[in-house]
N, C-alpha and C. Protein backbone atom coordinates (compact mmCIF):
# COMPACT_ATOMS: atom_id res chain seq x y z
N MET A 1 -31.04 26.52 16.54
CA MET A 1 -29.99 26.13 17.41
C MET A 1 -29.36 24.81 17.08
N ARG A 2 -30.07 23.85 16.54
CA ARG A 2 -29.62 22.55 16.17
C ARG A 2 -28.62 22.68 15.00
N LYS A 3 -28.90 23.49 13.96
CA LYS A 3 -28.09 23.78 12.85
C LYS A 3 -26.75 24.39 13.31
N ALA A 4 -26.75 25.25 14.27
CA ALA A 4 -25.53 25.86 14.77
C ALA A 4 -24.68 24.82 15.44
N THR A 5 -25.32 23.97 16.18
CA THR A 5 -24.58 22.88 16.95
C THR A 5 -23.97 21.94 15.93
N VAL A 6 -24.71 21.56 14.90
CA VAL A 6 -24.12 20.67 13.86
C VAL A 6 -22.96 21.36 13.16
N LEU A 7 -23.09 22.60 12.82
CA LEU A 7 -22.05 23.32 12.13
C LEU A 7 -20.78 23.43 13.03
N LEU A 8 -20.99 23.73 14.27
CA LEU A 8 -19.94 23.85 15.24
C LEU A 8 -19.17 22.49 15.37
N GLY A 9 -19.96 21.42 15.42
CA GLY A 9 -19.37 20.09 15.58
C GLY A 9 -18.59 19.72 14.32
N ALA A 10 -19.13 20.03 13.12
CA ALA A 10 -18.38 19.79 11.91
C ALA A 10 -17.05 20.58 11.84
N LEU A 11 -17.04 21.76 12.29
CA LEU A 11 -15.79 22.58 12.32
C LEU A 11 -14.78 22.12 13.32
N LEU A 12 -15.26 21.53 14.40
CA LEU A 12 -14.32 21.07 15.47
C LEU A 12 -13.90 19.68 15.30
N LEU A 13 -14.50 18.97 14.31
CA LEU A 13 -14.18 17.55 14.11
C LEU A 13 -12.73 17.25 13.86
N PRO A 14 -11.96 18.06 13.13
CA PRO A 14 -10.50 17.84 13.00
C PRO A 14 -9.80 17.87 14.39
N LEU A 15 -10.29 18.62 15.27
CA LEU A 15 -9.62 18.74 16.62
C LEU A 15 -9.82 17.41 17.43
N LEU A 16 -11.00 16.76 17.13
CA LEU A 16 -11.31 15.52 17.89
C LEU A 16 -10.73 14.33 17.27
N ALA A 17 -10.22 14.40 16.10
CA ALA A 17 -9.82 13.18 15.33
C ALA A 17 -8.65 12.46 16.05
N GLY A 18 -7.67 13.15 16.63
CA GLY A 18 -6.59 12.54 17.36
C GLY A 18 -5.52 11.89 16.48
N ALA A 19 -5.38 12.23 15.29
CA ALA A 19 -4.36 11.62 14.45
C ALA A 19 -3.06 12.47 14.54
N GLU A 20 -1.98 11.70 14.43
CA GLU A 20 -0.64 12.31 14.47
C GLU A 20 -0.10 12.30 13.02
N GLU A 21 0.26 13.45 12.49
CA GLU A 21 0.83 13.44 11.13
C GLU A 21 2.21 12.88 11.18
N ILE A 22 2.50 11.88 10.36
CA ILE A 22 3.78 11.22 10.32
C ILE A 22 4.65 11.83 9.17
N GLY A 23 3.99 12.20 8.05
CA GLY A 23 4.76 12.76 6.98
C GLY A 23 3.87 13.06 5.80
N GLU A 24 4.36 13.67 4.82
CA GLU A 24 3.63 14.04 3.59
C GLU A 24 4.59 14.16 2.37
N VAL A 25 3.97 14.01 1.17
CA VAL A 25 4.68 14.29 -0.01
C VAL A 25 3.79 15.16 -0.93
N SER A 26 4.37 16.03 -1.66
CA SER A 26 3.66 16.94 -2.59
C SER A 26 3.41 16.15 -3.87
N THR A 27 2.16 16.34 -4.38
CA THR A 27 1.79 15.68 -5.66
C THR A 27 1.58 16.68 -6.77
N VAL A 28 1.07 17.92 -6.41
CA VAL A 28 0.83 18.93 -7.42
C VAL A 28 1.32 20.25 -6.91
N PHE A 29 2.18 20.97 -7.68
CA PHE A 29 2.68 22.28 -7.25
C PHE A 29 1.55 23.30 -7.47
N LYS A 30 1.42 24.13 -6.50
CA LYS A 30 0.49 25.30 -6.60
C LYS A 30 1.20 26.65 -6.43
N TRP A 31 0.95 27.57 -7.32
CA TRP A 31 1.61 28.89 -7.24
C TRP A 31 1.15 29.60 -5.95
N LEU A 32 -0.10 29.54 -5.64
CA LEU A 32 -0.70 30.17 -4.45
C LEU A 32 -1.24 29.13 -3.49
N GLY A 33 -0.79 29.26 -2.24
CA GLY A 33 -1.23 28.37 -1.20
C GLY A 33 -0.36 27.09 -1.25
N PRO A 34 -0.71 26.15 -0.31
CA PRO A 34 0.08 24.95 -0.20
C PRO A 34 -0.16 23.98 -1.40
N ASN A 35 0.87 23.12 -1.67
CA ASN A 35 0.70 22.15 -2.78
C ASN A 35 -0.33 21.12 -2.37
N ASP A 36 -0.94 20.43 -3.43
CA ASP A 36 -1.71 19.19 -3.17
C ASP A 36 -0.72 18.22 -2.66
N LYS A 37 -1.15 17.30 -1.73
CA LYS A 37 -0.22 16.33 -1.20
C LYS A 37 -0.91 15.08 -0.70
N VAL A 38 -0.13 14.06 -0.41
CA VAL A 38 -0.56 12.85 0.22
C VAL A 38 -0.02 12.87 1.62
N VAL A 39 -0.90 12.79 2.58
CA VAL A 39 -0.51 12.92 4.03
C VAL A 39 -0.54 11.53 4.65
N ILE A 40 0.40 11.19 5.52
CA ILE A 40 0.32 9.92 6.32
C ILE A 40 0.06 10.31 7.73
N GLU A 41 -0.95 9.74 8.30
CA GLU A 41 -1.27 9.97 9.70
C GLU A 41 -1.32 8.68 10.46
N ALA A 42 -1.10 8.75 11.76
CA ALA A 42 -1.17 7.55 12.60
C ALA A 42 -2.23 7.84 13.72
N PHE A 43 -2.96 6.82 14.12
CA PHE A 43 -3.83 7.04 15.25
C PHE A 43 -3.99 5.61 15.94
N ASP A 44 -4.18 5.62 17.19
CA ASP A 44 -4.37 4.39 18.03
C ASP A 44 -5.88 4.16 18.12
N ASP A 45 -6.20 2.87 18.10
CA ASP A 45 -7.56 2.53 18.31
C ASP A 45 -8.00 2.74 19.78
N PRO A 46 -9.01 3.56 20.07
CA PRO A 46 -9.26 3.99 21.43
C PRO A 46 -9.76 2.83 22.33
N LYS A 47 -10.25 1.78 21.69
CA LYS A 47 -10.77 0.62 22.47
C LYS A 47 -9.90 -0.61 22.40
N VAL A 48 -8.91 -0.60 21.57
CA VAL A 48 -8.05 -1.75 21.47
C VAL A 48 -6.57 -1.31 21.67
N GLU A 49 -6.13 -1.43 22.91
CA GLU A 49 -4.72 -1.12 23.22
C GLU A 49 -3.84 -2.01 22.45
N GLY A 50 -2.76 -1.52 21.88
CA GLY A 50 -1.74 -2.32 21.19
C GLY A 50 -1.97 -2.32 19.66
N VAL A 51 -2.87 -1.50 19.19
CA VAL A 51 -3.10 -1.35 17.73
C VAL A 51 -2.93 0.05 17.32
N THR A 52 -2.15 0.29 16.27
CA THR A 52 -1.99 1.58 15.65
C THR A 52 -2.37 1.46 14.20
N CYS A 53 -3.05 2.46 13.66
CA CYS A 53 -3.44 2.42 12.29
C CYS A 53 -2.75 3.61 11.60
N TYR A 54 -2.32 3.28 10.35
CA TYR A 54 -1.69 4.37 9.54
C TYR A 54 -2.58 4.58 8.30
N LEU A 55 -2.91 5.87 8.13
CA LEU A 55 -3.80 6.27 7.11
C LEU A 55 -3.09 7.24 6.13
N SER A 56 -3.10 6.93 4.87
CA SER A 56 -2.65 7.85 3.84
C SER A 56 -3.83 8.38 3.08
N ARG A 57 -3.83 9.66 2.82
CA ARG A 57 -4.99 10.31 2.17
C ARG A 57 -4.56 11.53 1.41
N ALA A 58 -5.32 11.88 0.36
CA ALA A 58 -5.09 13.09 -0.43
C ALA A 58 -5.54 14.33 0.36
N LYS A 59 -4.76 15.33 0.22
CA LYS A 59 -5.12 16.63 0.83
C LYS A 59 -5.00 17.68 -0.24
N THR A 60 -6.06 18.40 -0.50
CA THR A 60 -6.09 19.43 -1.55
C THR A 60 -5.42 20.74 -1.05
N GLY A 61 -4.57 21.29 -1.88
CA GLY A 61 -3.89 22.52 -1.56
C GLY A 61 -4.55 23.77 -2.18
N GLY A 62 -3.63 24.64 -2.63
CA GLY A 62 -4.13 25.87 -3.22
C GLY A 62 -4.66 26.83 -2.19
N VAL A 63 -5.26 27.90 -2.68
CA VAL A 63 -5.79 28.91 -1.71
C VAL A 63 -6.90 28.29 -0.93
N LYS A 64 -7.85 27.65 -1.58
CA LYS A 64 -8.98 27.04 -0.79
C LYS A 64 -8.49 26.02 0.17
N GLY A 65 -7.54 25.21 -0.22
CA GLY A 65 -7.01 24.20 0.71
C GLY A 65 -6.31 24.80 1.90
N GLY A 66 -5.57 25.89 1.63
CA GLY A 66 -4.87 26.60 2.71
C GLY A 66 -5.80 27.20 3.74
N LEU A 67 -7.01 27.57 3.21
CA LEU A 67 -7.97 28.18 4.16
C LEU A 67 -8.92 27.13 4.75
N GLY A 68 -8.75 25.87 4.37
CA GLY A 68 -9.61 24.80 4.83
C GLY A 68 -11.03 24.78 4.26
N LEU A 69 -11.13 25.36 2.95
CA LEU A 69 -12.33 25.37 2.27
C LEU A 69 -12.47 24.39 1.15
N ALA A 70 -11.34 23.76 0.77
CA ALA A 70 -11.43 22.75 -0.30
C ALA A 70 -11.94 21.40 0.11
N GLU A 71 -12.45 20.68 -0.90
CA GLU A 71 -12.90 19.35 -0.60
C GLU A 71 -11.82 18.37 -1.02
N ASP A 72 -11.37 17.53 -0.06
CA ASP A 72 -10.31 16.58 -0.42
C ASP A 72 -10.89 15.33 -1.10
N ARG A 73 -10.08 14.74 -1.90
CA ARG A 73 -10.49 13.56 -2.64
C ARG A 73 -10.84 12.36 -1.75
N SER A 74 -11.58 11.42 -2.22
CA SER A 74 -12.07 10.25 -1.38
C SER A 74 -11.04 9.14 -1.27
N GLU A 75 -10.03 9.17 -2.04
CA GLU A 75 -9.07 8.01 -1.97
C GLU A 75 -8.21 8.07 -0.66
N ALA A 76 -8.14 6.82 -0.08
CA ALA A 76 -7.39 6.68 1.14
C ALA A 76 -6.89 5.24 1.13
N ALA A 77 -5.83 5.08 1.91
CA ALA A 77 -5.36 3.61 2.14
C ALA A 77 -5.10 3.52 3.66
N ILE A 78 -5.23 2.34 4.17
CA ILE A 78 -5.07 2.10 5.62
C ILE A 78 -4.23 0.90 5.91
N ALA A 79 -3.38 0.86 6.84
CA ALA A 79 -2.65 -0.26 7.26
C ALA A 79 -2.60 -0.20 8.85
N CYS A 80 -3.20 -1.21 9.47
CA CYS A 80 -3.15 -1.19 10.95
C CYS A 80 -2.24 -2.32 11.39
N ARG A 81 -1.50 -2.15 12.50
CA ARG A 81 -0.58 -3.15 12.97
C ARG A 81 -0.63 -3.31 14.42
N GLN A 82 -0.31 -4.51 14.90
CA GLN A 82 -0.23 -4.77 16.31
C GLN A 82 1.16 -4.15 16.73
N VAL A 83 1.14 -3.28 17.73
CA VAL A 83 2.41 -2.61 18.13
C VAL A 83 2.70 -2.95 19.58
N GLY A 84 1.99 -3.81 20.18
CA GLY A 84 2.14 -4.24 21.59
C GLY A 84 1.08 -5.30 21.89
N PRO A 85 1.03 -5.71 23.17
CA PRO A 85 -0.03 -6.68 23.57
C PRO A 85 -1.34 -6.10 23.33
N ILE A 86 -2.31 -6.87 22.67
CA ILE A 86 -3.61 -6.36 22.43
C ILE A 86 -4.48 -6.60 23.58
N THR A 87 -5.11 -5.44 24.06
CA THR A 87 -6.05 -5.50 25.19
C THR A 87 -7.33 -4.80 24.70
N ILE A 88 -8.42 -5.51 24.74
CA ILE A 88 -9.64 -4.91 24.33
C ILE A 88 -10.38 -4.30 25.56
N GLN A 89 -10.72 -3.06 25.43
CA GLN A 89 -11.39 -2.28 26.41
C GLN A 89 -12.89 -2.26 26.18
N GLY A 90 -13.67 -3.06 26.94
CA GLY A 90 -15.12 -3.12 26.73
C GLY A 90 -15.50 -4.00 25.56
N ASP A 91 -16.83 -3.84 25.17
CA ASP A 91 -17.35 -4.59 24.08
C ASP A 91 -17.07 -3.92 22.73
N LEU A 92 -16.76 -4.68 21.75
CA LEU A 92 -16.54 -4.19 20.35
C LEU A 92 -17.82 -4.30 19.58
N GLU A 93 -18.24 -3.29 18.93
CA GLU A 93 -19.42 -3.36 18.06
C GLU A 93 -18.94 -3.37 16.57
N ASP A 94 -19.45 -4.31 15.77
CA ASP A 94 -19.13 -4.36 14.35
C ASP A 94 -19.54 -3.02 13.74
N GLY A 95 -18.64 -2.41 13.00
CA GLY A 95 -18.90 -1.13 12.32
C GLY A 95 -18.71 0.08 13.18
N GLU A 96 -18.14 -0.14 14.38
CA GLU A 96 -17.91 0.97 15.31
C GLU A 96 -16.87 1.93 14.73
N GLU A 97 -17.18 3.22 14.79
CA GLU A 97 -16.22 4.31 14.30
C GLU A 97 -15.06 4.39 15.32
N VAL A 98 -13.86 4.38 14.73
CA VAL A 98 -12.67 4.49 15.56
C VAL A 98 -11.88 5.75 15.23
N PHE A 99 -12.20 6.37 14.06
CA PHE A 99 -11.55 7.59 13.64
C PHE A 99 -12.35 8.28 12.62
N LYS A 100 -12.44 9.60 12.69
CA LYS A 100 -13.17 10.34 11.66
C LYS A 100 -12.49 11.73 11.52
N GLU A 101 -12.43 12.17 10.23
CA GLU A 101 -11.80 13.42 10.00
C GLU A 101 -12.52 14.09 8.86
N ARG A 102 -12.86 15.38 9.02
CA ARG A 102 -13.61 16.02 7.83
C ARG A 102 -12.61 16.27 6.70
N THR A 103 -13.27 16.10 5.49
CA THR A 103 -12.47 16.25 4.28
C THR A 103 -13.04 17.44 3.38
N SER A 104 -14.01 18.17 3.91
CA SER A 104 -14.52 19.33 3.32
C SER A 104 -15.03 20.19 4.46
N LEU A 105 -15.41 21.39 4.18
CA LEU A 105 -15.77 22.37 5.22
C LEU A 105 -16.93 21.77 6.04
N VAL A 106 -17.98 21.23 5.49
CA VAL A 106 -19.11 20.72 6.27
C VAL A 106 -19.59 19.34 5.89
N PHE A 107 -19.72 19.01 4.66
CA PHE A 107 -20.51 17.86 4.21
C PHE A 107 -19.79 16.54 4.02
N LYS A 108 -18.45 16.48 4.01
CA LYS A 108 -17.78 15.26 3.71
C LYS A 108 -16.79 14.94 4.79
N SER A 109 -16.67 13.61 5.10
CA SER A 109 -15.71 13.16 6.06
C SER A 109 -15.18 11.77 5.63
N MET A 110 -14.00 11.56 6.18
CA MET A 110 -13.35 10.20 6.06
C MET A 110 -13.37 9.54 7.36
N GLN A 111 -13.79 8.27 7.40
CA GLN A 111 -13.86 7.60 8.66
C GLN A 111 -13.28 6.15 8.56
N VAL A 112 -12.87 5.66 9.75
CA VAL A 112 -12.45 4.33 9.91
C VAL A 112 -13.28 3.61 10.86
N VAL A 113 -13.81 2.47 10.41
CA VAL A 113 -14.65 1.63 11.32
C VAL A 113 -13.99 0.30 11.52
N ARG A 114 -14.35 -0.31 12.68
CA ARG A 114 -13.76 -1.65 13.04
C ARG A 114 -14.77 -2.70 13.10
N PHE A 115 -14.30 -3.87 12.62
CA PHE A 115 -15.09 -5.18 12.79
C PHE A 115 -14.29 -6.13 13.46
N PHE A 116 -14.92 -7.13 14.15
CA PHE A 116 -14.15 -8.21 14.86
C PHE A 116 -14.68 -9.53 14.30
N ASP A 117 -13.82 -10.21 13.60
CA ASP A 117 -14.10 -11.50 13.06
C ASP A 117 -13.73 -12.56 14.12
N ARG A 118 -14.75 -12.88 14.88
CA ARG A 118 -14.55 -13.83 16.09
C ARG A 118 -14.01 -15.17 15.60
N LYS A 119 -14.55 -15.65 14.51
CA LYS A 119 -14.20 -16.99 14.00
C LYS A 119 -12.71 -17.08 13.81
N ARG A 120 -12.12 -16.05 13.23
CA ARG A 120 -10.71 -16.06 12.89
C ARG A 120 -9.82 -15.20 13.85
N ASN A 121 -10.46 -14.69 14.93
CA ASN A 121 -9.80 -13.91 15.98
C ASN A 121 -9.02 -12.81 15.33
N THR A 122 -9.72 -11.96 14.47
CA THR A 122 -9.00 -10.92 13.71
C THR A 122 -9.80 -9.64 13.78
N LEU A 123 -9.09 -8.55 13.90
CA LEU A 123 -9.70 -7.23 13.81
C LEU A 123 -9.51 -6.77 12.35
N ILE A 124 -10.62 -6.12 11.85
CA ILE A 124 -10.64 -5.59 10.52
C ILE A 124 -11.00 -4.14 10.54
N TYR A 125 -10.18 -3.30 9.91
CA TYR A 125 -10.42 -1.80 9.82
C TYR A 125 -10.72 -1.45 8.42
N LEU A 126 -11.77 -0.61 8.18
CA LEU A 126 -12.17 -0.19 6.90
C LEU A 126 -12.22 1.34 6.88
N VAL A 127 -11.55 1.95 5.90
CA VAL A 127 -11.60 3.39 5.71
C VAL A 127 -12.40 3.68 4.52
N TYR A 128 -13.34 4.68 4.62
CA TYR A 128 -14.16 5.08 3.49
C TYR A 128 -14.54 6.58 3.73
N SER A 129 -15.03 7.15 2.65
CA SER A 129 -15.49 8.52 2.68
C SER A 129 -17.00 8.61 2.59
N ASP A 130 -17.64 9.48 3.34
CA ASP A 130 -18.98 9.68 3.20
C ASP A 130 -19.32 11.20 3.01
N ARG A 131 -20.51 11.42 2.50
CA ARG A 131 -20.95 12.75 2.25
C ARG A 131 -22.47 12.80 2.50
N VAL A 132 -22.91 14.00 2.96
CA VAL A 132 -24.33 14.10 3.37
C VAL A 132 -25.26 13.59 2.25
N ILE A 133 -24.99 13.90 0.96
CA ILE A 133 -25.88 13.49 -0.05
C ILE A 133 -25.36 12.32 -0.84
N GLU A 134 -24.12 12.29 -1.22
CA GLU A 134 -23.59 11.18 -1.96
C GLU A 134 -22.20 10.76 -1.49
N GLY A 135 -22.03 9.58 -1.02
CA GLY A 135 -20.74 9.06 -0.55
C GLY A 135 -19.96 8.49 -1.74
N SER A 136 -18.87 7.90 -1.43
CA SER A 136 -18.00 7.31 -2.42
C SER A 136 -17.82 5.83 -2.11
N PRO A 137 -17.79 4.89 -3.09
CA PRO A 137 -17.55 3.48 -2.82
C PRO A 137 -15.98 3.25 -2.65
N GLN A 138 -15.14 4.23 -2.84
CA GLN A 138 -13.74 3.96 -2.72
C GLN A 138 -13.36 3.72 -1.23
N ASN A 139 -12.58 2.68 -1.07
CA ASN A 139 -12.39 2.20 0.33
C ASN A 139 -11.09 1.47 0.37
N SER A 140 -10.62 1.14 1.59
CA SER A 140 -9.42 0.33 1.80
C SER A 140 -9.65 -0.44 3.11
N VAL A 141 -9.15 -1.61 3.15
CA VAL A 141 -9.29 -2.48 4.33
C VAL A 141 -7.97 -3.15 4.77
N THR A 142 -7.89 -3.34 6.03
CA THR A 142 -6.68 -4.03 6.53
C THR A 142 -7.17 -4.87 7.70
N ALA A 143 -6.39 -5.97 8.03
CA ALA A 143 -6.74 -6.86 9.07
C ALA A 143 -5.60 -7.18 9.91
N ILE A 144 -5.89 -7.44 11.27
CA ILE A 144 -4.85 -7.76 12.20
C ILE A 144 -5.26 -9.02 12.95
N PRO A 145 -4.55 -10.19 12.76
CA PRO A 145 -4.87 -11.34 13.60
C PRO A 145 -4.44 -11.05 14.99
N ILE A 146 -5.24 -11.38 16.01
CA ILE A 146 -4.79 -11.13 17.44
C ILE A 146 -3.92 -12.26 17.81
N LEU A 147 -2.63 -11.93 18.01
CA LEU A 147 -1.64 -12.99 18.33
C LEU A 147 -0.99 -12.59 19.69
N PRO A 148 -0.41 -13.60 20.40
CA PRO A 148 0.26 -13.28 21.60
C PRO A 148 1.47 -12.41 21.31
N TRP A 149 1.79 -11.46 22.21
CA TRP A 149 2.89 -10.53 22.03
C TRP A 149 4.08 -11.13 22.73
N PRO A 150 5.30 -11.18 22.19
CA PRO A 150 6.41 -11.78 22.86
C PRO A 150 6.79 -10.94 24.08
N VAL A 151 6.99 -11.58 25.19
CA VAL A 151 7.48 -10.90 26.46
C VAL A 151 8.98 -10.92 26.44
N ARG A 152 9.60 -9.72 26.76
CA ARG A 152 11.07 -9.64 26.79
C ARG A 152 11.59 -9.62 28.14
């Protein structure tokens, strides 16, 4: 029963991710199925109102990619920005997951975690890929100093 629950959770993970696709560009033409591409997605930090993160990542096309069976590459870039007054909801834990999306059928995912540098009053977001057996050291980081938001 536990294996079935884990498999179901892995298959539903993209539905829980909550990212909005902003755009995409094709990188490799495929005769069958969708092209390989770079996708740009946006998501809001669920615990920090006023912060939006933009994630660009590779998405594998072809027949396997079209069916959701291909494994996407580990490369990703992230840029988070203050888009309004920053309001922190509850306590922030260093390394807390704020976004996760599967990048293969079951074993690989891309996730974004948040850190709070209290000394510099700055939020730091890190995107990286992990895999059940072997992850990837490829990552990207962005930081947002918490500043007062102009009132209009």
